[in-house]
């Protein structure tokens, strides 16, 4: 655990220190988010936060590569290099998009290219482990499922990045939940504790914590598409390395419960529940209205919370709460399996519902 905490600290400190430099560079060269009809901010905000986040990932992985605890495992070393290469590509695509506002087809091509790099470096879904059997995937199916999953996750996090501190906080909560589960699972089942999933998720958590002081209301810098697509890619890769390397039948050998054996498949969707729900609802809504799925609007979950009367900060905190309740709730039900866990999840859901339906009395500060 100490090694993972050190990796997280390296990611957080690097990101925090370099974000200020990136903000100065973005301001100097005019790389800023303009005020558009669909935006909430009322003045141009510097971009390039994603570059600082990428540097945080790189430094965290570099530190991990020098630790015997992590570097001695070939799979972790190989996967981390592949993930870093894919992260660099998608971050570069995001920076270009933040500067030039790329056409949708060019952005999609960049996302697929980054996913392809991850696949070429061995980060993909090799099998689907169900409670009663394992479905081995042939190479074309494995590649297709991996690329589609990465593409969906990248765009889900990209869409949720609509308020100060929203994407970074939601991802930090979800990634920390994934790390807690992968680490506890390895200890409980006597698996190898040094895993790609644990390394990537603890790095994501550190990067987001380092970025949040600059990005929370009122934000002094945005992560931009460079940062949101980077986080989506990292979450996808950590989920793939976890889901495709765990035999779920070993988690519940006696068949005592369904959730433990299904958790490797369920958890990736639980930690990204809000972004994925927002993505799917946006696709349905825009298709129903006769628009392309990539045409932006102001109907996302965070927009709905603002219209309901929440301040910007309250809306962000509500979405943090929902992410925590869903992600940690699923883990609690799978690992603890007691009435105390059930009651805790029920209480968490009731608190989240109450917070959602109780609008703030304070208007959004402009």
Protein backbone atom coordinates (compact mmCIF):
# COMPACT_ATOMS: atom_id res chain seq x y z
CA UNK A 1 0.00 0.00 0.00
CA UNK A 2 2.84 2.43 0.81
CA UNK A 3 4.15 2.12 -2.73
CA UNK A 4 0.77 2.94 -4.23
CA UNK A 5 0.33 5.94 -1.94
CA UNK A 6 3.73 7.23 -3.02
CA UNK A 7 2.75 6.85 -6.68
CA UNK A 8 -0.47 8.76 -6.00
CA UNK A 9 1.45 11.52 -4.23
CA UNK A 10 3.88 11.81 -7.15
CA UNK A 11 0.99 12.12 -9.61
CA UNK A 12 -0.77 14.72 -7.45
CA UNK A 13 2.29 16.89 -6.76
CA UNK A 14 3.48 16.83 -10.37
CA UNK A 15 0.06 17.73 -11.70
CA UNK A 16 -0.46 20.46 -9.12
CA UNK A 17 2.89 22.14 -9.77
CA UNK A 18 2.76 21.95 -13.57
CA UNK A 19 -0.86 23.08 -13.86
CA UNK A 20 0.15 26.61 -12.88
CA UNK A 21 2.83 26.65 -15.58
CA UNK A 22 0.38 25.34 -18.16
CA UNK A 23 -2.09 28.07 -17.20
CA UNK A 24 0.58 30.73 -17.74
CA UNK A 25 1.49 29.22 -21.12
CA UNK A 26 -2.15 29.01 -22.22
CA UNK A 27 -2.74 32.62 -21.22
CA UNK A 28 0.45 33.74 -22.96
CA UNK A 29 -0.47 32.08 -26.26
CA UNK A 30 -4.22 32.71 -26.10
CA UNK A 31 -5.22 29.05 -25.74
CA UNK A 32 -8.47 29.63 -23.89
CA UNK A 33 -12.00 28.30 -23.71
CA UNK A 34 -14.29 30.87 -25.34
CA UNK A 35 -17.73 31.61 -23.94
CA UNK A 36 -20.31 29.71 -26.01
CA UNK A 37 -24.07 29.37 -25.69
CA UNK A 38 -23.78 25.90 -24.16
CA UNK A 39 -21.14 26.90 -21.60
CA UNK A 40 -21.61 27.92 -17.99
CA UNK A 41 -18.46 30.02 -17.54
CA UNK A 42 -18.83 33.73 -18.33
CA UNK A 43 -15.25 34.63 -19.24
CA UNK A 44 -12.51 32.89 -21.25
CA UNK A 45 -10.60 30.33 -19.17
CA UNK A 46 -7.14 28.97 -20.09
CA UNK A 47 -6.86 25.41 -21.39
CA UNK A 48 -3.87 23.00 -21.29
CA UNK A 49 -4.66 21.46 -17.91
CA UNK A 50 -4.57 18.13 -19.71
CA UNK A 51 -0.84 18.53 -20.37
CA UNK A 52 -0.12 18.84 -16.65
CA UNK A 53 -2.25 15.76 -16.02
CA UNK A 54 -0.31 13.79 -18.64
CA UNK A 55 2.94 14.83 -16.96
CA UNK A 56 1.53 13.60 -13.64
CA UNK A 57 0.75 10.23 -15.21
CA UNK A 58 4.21 10.00 -16.78
CA UNK A 59 6.01 10.83 -13.53
CA UNK A 60 3.87 8.38 -11.55
CA UNK A 61 4.58 5.58 -14.04
CA UNK A 62 8.28 6.48 -14.05
CA UNK A 63 8.38 6.21 -10.28
CA UNK A 64 6.53 2.89 -10.41
CA UNK A 65 9.07 1.57 -12.93
CA UNK A 66 11.85 2.17 -10.40
CA UNK A 67 10.07 0.35 -7.58
CA UNK A 68 10.89 -3.36 -7.27
CA UNK A 69 7.36 -3.93 -5.97
CA UNK A 70 5.85 -2.91 -9.34
CA UNK A 71 8.67 -3.13 -11.90
CA UNK A 72 9.35 -6.80 -11.16
CA UNK A 73 6.00 -7.71 -12.76
CA UNK A 74 6.41 -7.81 -16.54
CA UNK A 75 2.70 -7.44 -17.27
CA UNK A 76 2.45 -4.23 -15.22
CA UNK A 77 5.56 -2.74 -16.85
CA UNK A 78 4.39 -3.64 -20.36
CA UNK A 79 0.85 -2.42 -19.84
CA UNK A 80 1.92 0.87 -18.24
CA UNK A 81 4.19 1.70 -21.20
CA UNK A 82 1.40 0.96 -23.67
CA UNK A 83 -1.12 2.97 -21.68
CA UNK A 84 1.29 5.91 -21.42
CA UNK A 85 1.88 5.87 -25.18
CA UNK A 86 -1.86 5.84 -25.86
CA UNK A 87 -2.38 8.57 -23.26
CA UNK A 88 0.23 10.78 -24.93
CA UNK A 89 -1.48 10.38 -28.31
CA UNK A 90 -4.98 11.14 -27.07
CA UNK A 91 -3.73 14.09 -25.00
CA UNK A 92 -2.00 15.51 -28.10
CA UNK A 93 -5.22 15.13 -30.09
CA UNK A 94 -7.06 16.93 -27.29
CA UNK A 95 -4.56 19.80 -27.22
CA UNK A 96 -4.91 20.27 -30.98
CA UNK A 97 -8.69 20.18 -30.62
CA UNK A 98 -8.59 22.75 -27.81
CA UNK A 99 -6.54 25.06 -30.05
CA UNK A 100 -8.10 24.48 -33.47
CA UNK A 101 -11.53 22.95 -32.66
CA UNK A 102 -11.05 19.85 -34.81
CA UNK A 103 -13.88 18.41 -36.92
CA UNK A 104 -15.67 15.54 -35.21
CA UNK A 105 -14.33 12.95 -37.65
CA UNK A 106 -10.74 14.02 -36.93
CA UNK A 107 -11.31 13.81 -33.18
CA UNK A 108 -12.88 10.37 -33.47
CA UNK A 109 -9.95 9.22 -35.61
CA UNK A 110 -7.55 10.39 -32.92
CA UNK A 111 -9.49 8.51 -30.25
CA UNK A 112 -9.47 5.31 -32.31
CA UNK A 113 -5.74 5.74 -32.97
CA UNK A 114 -5.03 6.01 -29.25
CA UNK A 115 -7.20 2.96 -28.58
CA UNK A 116 -5.29 1.08 -31.29
CA UNK A 117 -1.97 1.92 -29.64
CA UNK A 118 -3.25 0.53 -26.35
CA UNK A 119 -4.39 -2.65 -28.12
CA UNK A 120 -1.05 -3.09 -29.90
CA UNK A 121 0.67 -2.93 -26.52
CA UNK A 122 -1.47 -5.71 -25.09
CA UNK A 123 -4.12 -3.66 -23.26
CA UNK A 124 -7.30 -5.33 -24.40
CA UNK A 125 -10.13 -7.62 -23.42
CA UNK A 126 -8.84 -11.17 -23.86
CA UNK A 127 -11.86 -12.90 -22.40
CA UNK A 128 -15.18 -12.24 -20.70
CA UNK A 129 -15.34 -14.02 -17.37
CA UNK A 130 -18.85 -14.99 -16.31
CA UNK A 131 -19.75 -16.72 -13.03
CA UNK A 132 -20.15 -20.12 -14.68
CA UNK A 133 -17.81 -19.93 -17.65
CA UNK A 134 -15.19 -17.91 -19.46
CA UNK A 135 -15.85 -16.70 -22.99
CA UNK A 136 -12.57 -16.59 -24.88
CA UNK A 137 -12.48 -13.84 -27.50
CA UNK A 138 -10.84 -14.28 -30.87
CA UNK A 139 -8.47 -11.53 -31.92
CA UNK A 140 -10.89 -9.51 -34.12
CA UNK A 141 -13.59 -9.57 -31.43
CA UNK A 142 -11.09 -8.70 -28.71
CA UNK A 143 -9.79 -5.71 -30.66
CA UNK A 144 -13.26 -4.48 -31.61
CA UNK A 145 -14.66 -4.70 -28.08
CA UNK A 146 -11.60 -2.95 -26.67
CA UNK A 147 -11.64 -0.08 -29.16
CA UNK A 148 -15.39 0.46 -28.74
CA UNK A 149 -15.12 0.39 -24.95
CA UNK A 150 -12.27 2.92 -24.92
CA UNK A 151 -14.15 5.13 -27.39
CA UNK A 152 -17.29 5.09 -25.22
CA UNK A 153 -15.41 5.85 -22.00
CA UNK A 154 -13.40 8.67 -23.58
CA UNK A 155 -16.54 10.40 -24.83
CA UNK A 156 -18.48 9.76 -21.62
CA UNK A 157 -15.90 11.62 -19.53
CA UNK A 158 -15.62 14.28 -22.22
CA UNK A 159 -19.34 14.98 -22.02
CA UNK A 160 -19.44 15.21 -18.23
CA UNK A 161 -16.72 17.89 -18.20
CA UNK A 162 -19.18 20.78 -18.05
CA UNK A 163 -18.76 22.46 -14.64
CA UNK A 164 -15.77 23.60 -12.59
CA UNK A 165 -14.25 20.55 -10.92
CA UNK A 166 -16.93 18.16 -12.14
CA UNK A 167 -15.00 15.72 -14.35
CA UNK A 168 -11.89 15.66 -12.16
CA UNK A 169 -13.91 15.02 -8.99
CA UNK A 170 -16.22 12.39 -10.46
CA UNK A 171 -13.27 10.53 -11.97
CA UNK A 172 -11.27 10.80 -8.73
CA UNK A 173 -14.13 9.22 -6.75
CA UNK A 174 -14.68 6.47 -9.31
CA UNK A 175 -10.99 5.69 -9.75
CA UNK A 176 -10.42 5.56 -5.98
CA UNK A 177 -13.29 3.08 -5.69
CA UNK A 178 -11.74 0.89 -8.37
CA UNK A 179 -8.36 1.05 -6.62
CA UNK A 180 -9.85 0.14 -3.24
CA UNK A 181 -11.58 -2.86 -4.75
CA UNK A 182 -8.66 -4.16 -6.82
CA UNK A 183 -6.27 -3.82 -3.88
CA UNK A 184 -8.63 -5.39 -1.33
CA UNK A 185 -9.53 -8.17 -3.75
CA UNK A 186 -5.88 -9.04 -4.32
CA UNK A 187 -5.25 -9.19 -0.57
CA UNK A 188 -8.41 -11.13 0.18
CA UNK A 189 -7.96 -13.70 -2.62
CA UNK A 190 -4.15 -13.94 -2.24
CA UNK A 191 -3.69 -12.59 -5.76
CA UNK A 192 -0.67 -10.58 -6.87
CA UNK A 193 -1.10 -7.14 -5.29
CA UNK A 194 0.93 -5.37 -7.98
CA UNK A 195 -1.55 -5.01 -10.87
CA UNK A 196 -2.01 -2.68 -13.80
CA UNK A 197 -5.52 -1.79 -12.65
CA UNK A 198 -4.33 -0.71 -9.20
CA UNK A 199 -1.41 1.29 -10.61
CA UNK A 200 -3.52 3.14 -13.17
CA UNK A 201 -6.44 3.88 -10.85
CA UNK A 202 -4.23 5.18 -8.04
CA UNK A 203 -2.44 7.35 -10.61
CA UNK A 204 -5.74 8.71 -11.92
CA UNK A 205 -6.80 9.54 -8.37
CA UNK A 206 -3.57 11.42 -7.71
CA UNK A 207 -3.72 13.34 -10.98
CA UNK A 208 -7.31 14.46 -10.31
CA UNK A 209 -6.54 15.49 -6.73
CA UNK A 210 -3.57 17.52 -7.95
CA UNK A 211 -5.65 19.24 -10.60
CA UNK A 212 -8.77 20.00 -8.53
CA UNK A 213 -7.31 22.92 -6.52
CA UNK A 214 -6.83 24.79 -9.82
CA UNK A 215 -10.11 23.66 -11.37
CA UNK A 216 -12.73 23.77 -8.61
CA UNK A 217 -15.11 26.74 -8.59
CA UNK A 218 -14.03 29.26 -9.63
CA UNK A 219 -11.77 27.48 -12.08
CA UNK A 220 -8.53 29.17 -13.07
CA UNK A 221 -7.81 26.58 -15.76
CA UNK A 222 -9.72 23.89 -17.67
CA UNK A 223 -8.44 20.42 -18.47
CA UNK A 224 -9.97 20.74 -21.92
CA UNK A 225 -10.50 17.80 -24.24
CA UNK A 226 -6.84 16.92 -23.65
CA UNK A 227 -7.59 16.18 -20.00
CA UNK A 228 -11.10 14.72 -20.25
CA UNK A 229 -10.17 12.32 -23.05
CA UNK A 230 -7.01 11.38 -21.15
CA UNK A 231 -9.02 10.49 -18.04
CA UNK A 232 -11.53 8.51 -20.09
CA UNK A 233 -8.76 6.52 -21.74
CA UNK A 234 -7.05 5.78 -18.42
CA UNK A 235 -10.29 4.64 -16.80
CA UNK A 236 -11.05 2.41 -19.78
CA UNK A 237 -7.58 0.85 -19.77
CA UNK A 238 -7.68 0.18 -16.03
CA UNK A 239 -11.10 -1.43 -16.39
CA UNK A 240 -9.94 -3.58 -19.31
CA UNK A 241 -6.83 -4.77 -17.51
CA UNK A 242 -8.95 -5.64 -14.48
CA UNK A 243 -11.95 -7.24 -16.18
CA UNK A 244 -9.91 -9.22 -18.71
CA UNK A 245 -7.51 -10.70 -16.17
CA UNK A 246 -9.84 -11.87 -13.38
CA UNK A 247 -11.55 -15.25 -13.25
CA UNK A 248 -14.84 -14.25 -11.66
CA UNK A 249 -15.68 -17.80 -10.59
CA UNK A 250 -12.78 -17.66 -8.12
CA UNK A 251 -14.42 -14.72 -6.33
CA UNK A 252 -17.44 -16.77 -5.27
CA UNK A 253 -16.48 -20.44 -5.59
CA UNK A 254 -19.43 -21.68 -3.55
CA UNK A 255 -21.98 -19.61 -5.45
CA UNK A 256 -23.07 -17.87 -2.27
CA UNK A 257 -24.04 -14.72 -4.07
CA UNK A 258 -24.35 -13.33 -7.56
CA UNK A 259 -22.78 -9.92 -7.07
CA UNK A 260 -19.21 -10.98 -6.14
CA UNK A 261 -18.81 -13.07 -9.28
CA UNK A 262 -20.36 -10.43 -11.52
CA UNK A 263 -18.45 -7.52 -9.98
CA UNK A 264 -15.50 -7.54 -12.42
CA UNK A 265 -18.03 -6.81 -15.19
CA UNK A 266 -20.30 -4.53 -13.16
CA UNK A 267 -17.73 -2.33 -11.39
CA UNK A 268 -16.33 -0.53 -14.49
CA UNK A 269 -19.85 0.61 -15.30
CA UNK A 270 -20.58 1.51 -11.67
CA UNK A 271 -17.58 3.84 -11.36
CA UNK A 272 -18.62 5.60 -14.57
CA UNK A 273 -22.37 5.36 -13.98
CA UNK A 274 -23.14 9.09 -14.29
CA UNK A 275 -20.91 9.79 -17.33
CA UNK A 276 -22.22 6.70 -19.13
CA UNK A 277 -25.83 7.55 -18.30
CA UNK A 278 -25.25 11.09 -19.56
CA UNK A 279 -23.69 9.74 -22.75
CA UNK A 280 -26.53 7.32 -23.50
CA UNK A 281 -29.26 9.84 -22.66
CA UNK A 282 -27.54 12.47 -24.82
CA UNK A 283 -27.40 10.06 -27.76
CA UNK A 284 -31.07 9.15 -27.37
CA UNK A 285 -32.16 12.75 -26.88
CA UNK A 286 -30.27 14.13 -29.85
CA UNK A 287 -31.32 11.27 -32.11
CA UNK A 288 -34.95 11.75 -31.08
CA UNK A 289 -34.63 15.44 -31.98
CA UNK A 290 -33.17 14.58 -35.38
CA UNK A 291 -29.65 15.77 -34.51
CA UNK A 292 -26.28 14.08 -34.75
CA UNK A 293 -25.02 12.55 -31.49
CA UNK A 294 -22.04 14.90 -31.39
CA UNK A 295 -24.07 18.14 -31.63
CA UNK A 296 -23.65 19.86 -28.25
CA UNK A 297 -26.58 21.09 -26.16
CA UNK A 298 -27.39 22.23 -22.61
CA UNK A 299 -29.42 19.21 -21.52
CA UNK A 300 -26.76 17.26 -19.62
CA UNK A 301 -27.20 16.12 -16.03
CA UNK A 302 -25.29 19.08 -14.64
CA UNK A 303 -27.40 21.49 -16.68
CA UNK A 304 -30.55 19.88 -15.29
CA UNK A 305 -29.27 20.34 -11.73
CA UNK A 306 -28.54 24.01 -12.38
CA UNK A 307 -32.04 24.50 -13.78
CA UNK A 308 -33.46 22.78 -10.72
CA UNK A 309 -32.02 25.57 -8.61
CA UNK A 310 -28.66 24.20 -7.48
CA UNK A 311 -25.63 26.45 -7.44
CA UNK A 312 -22.67 25.33 -9.49
CA UNK A 313 -20.83 24.06 -6.43
CA UNK A 314 -23.90 22.21 -5.12
CA UNK A 315 -24.50 20.57 -8.51
CA UNK A 316 -20.92 19.33 -8.61
CA UNK A 317 -21.09 17.99 -5.04
CA UNK A 318 -24.36 16.20 -5.79
CA UNK A 319 -22.73 14.41 -8.71
CA UNK A 320 -19.75 13.52 -6.52
CA UNK A 321 -22.18 12.06 -4.00
CA UNK A 322 -24.03 9.95 -6.56
CA UNK A 323 -20.75 8.60 -7.93
CA UNK A 324 -19.55 7.66 -4.45
CA UNK A 325 -22.83 6.01 -3.46
CA UNK A 326 -23.03 3.92 -6.64
CA UNK A 327 -19.35 2.94 -6.89
CA UNK A 328 -18.63 2.30 -3.22
CA UNK A 329 -22.12 0.90 -2.68
CA UNK A 330 -21.58 -1.82 -5.27
CA UNK A 331 -18.22 -2.68 -3.68
CA UNK A 332 -19.72 -2.79 -0.18
CA UNK A 333 -22.53 -5.09 -1.25
CA UNK A 334 -20.05 -7.43 -2.95
CA UNK A 335 -17.34 -7.55 -0.30
CA UNK A 336 -19.21 -7.11 2.99
CA UNK A 337 -22.53 -8.80 2.21
CA UNK A 338 -24.17 -7.94 5.53
CA UNK A 339 -27.28 -6.03 6.49
CA UNK A 340 -25.04 -3.20 7.66
CA UNK A 341 -23.74 -2.80 4.10
CA UNK A 342 -27.27 -2.89 2.70
CA UNK A 343 -28.45 -0.27 5.19
CA UNK A 344 -25.44 1.94 4.44
CA UNK A 345 -26.16 1.81 0.72
CA UNK A 346 -29.86 2.54 1.26
CA UNK A 347 -29.01 5.50 3.50
CA UNK A 348 -26.53 6.74 0.91
CA UNK A 349 -29.14 6.54 -1.85
CA UNK A 350 -31.71 8.38 0.29
CA UNK A 351 -29.20 11.13 1.07
CA UNK A 352 -28.29 11.44 -2.62
CA UNK A 353 -31.96 11.64 -3.62
CA UNK A 354 -32.64 14.24 -0.95
CA UNK A 355 -29.62 16.31 -2.01
CA UNK A 356 -30.71 16.13 -5.65
CA UNK A 357 -34.25 17.23 -4.96
CA UNK A 358 -33.38 19.99 -2.52
CA UNK A 359 -32.21 22.93 -4.62
CA UNK A 360 -29.78 25.43 -3.19
CA UNK A 361 -31.14 28.72 -1.96
CA UNK A 362 -28.08 30.49 -3.31
CA UNK A 363 -27.90 31.47 -6.97
CA UNK A 364 -24.87 30.71 -9.11
CA UNK A 365 -22.21 33.33 -8.53
CA UNK A 366 -21.23 35.09 -11.72
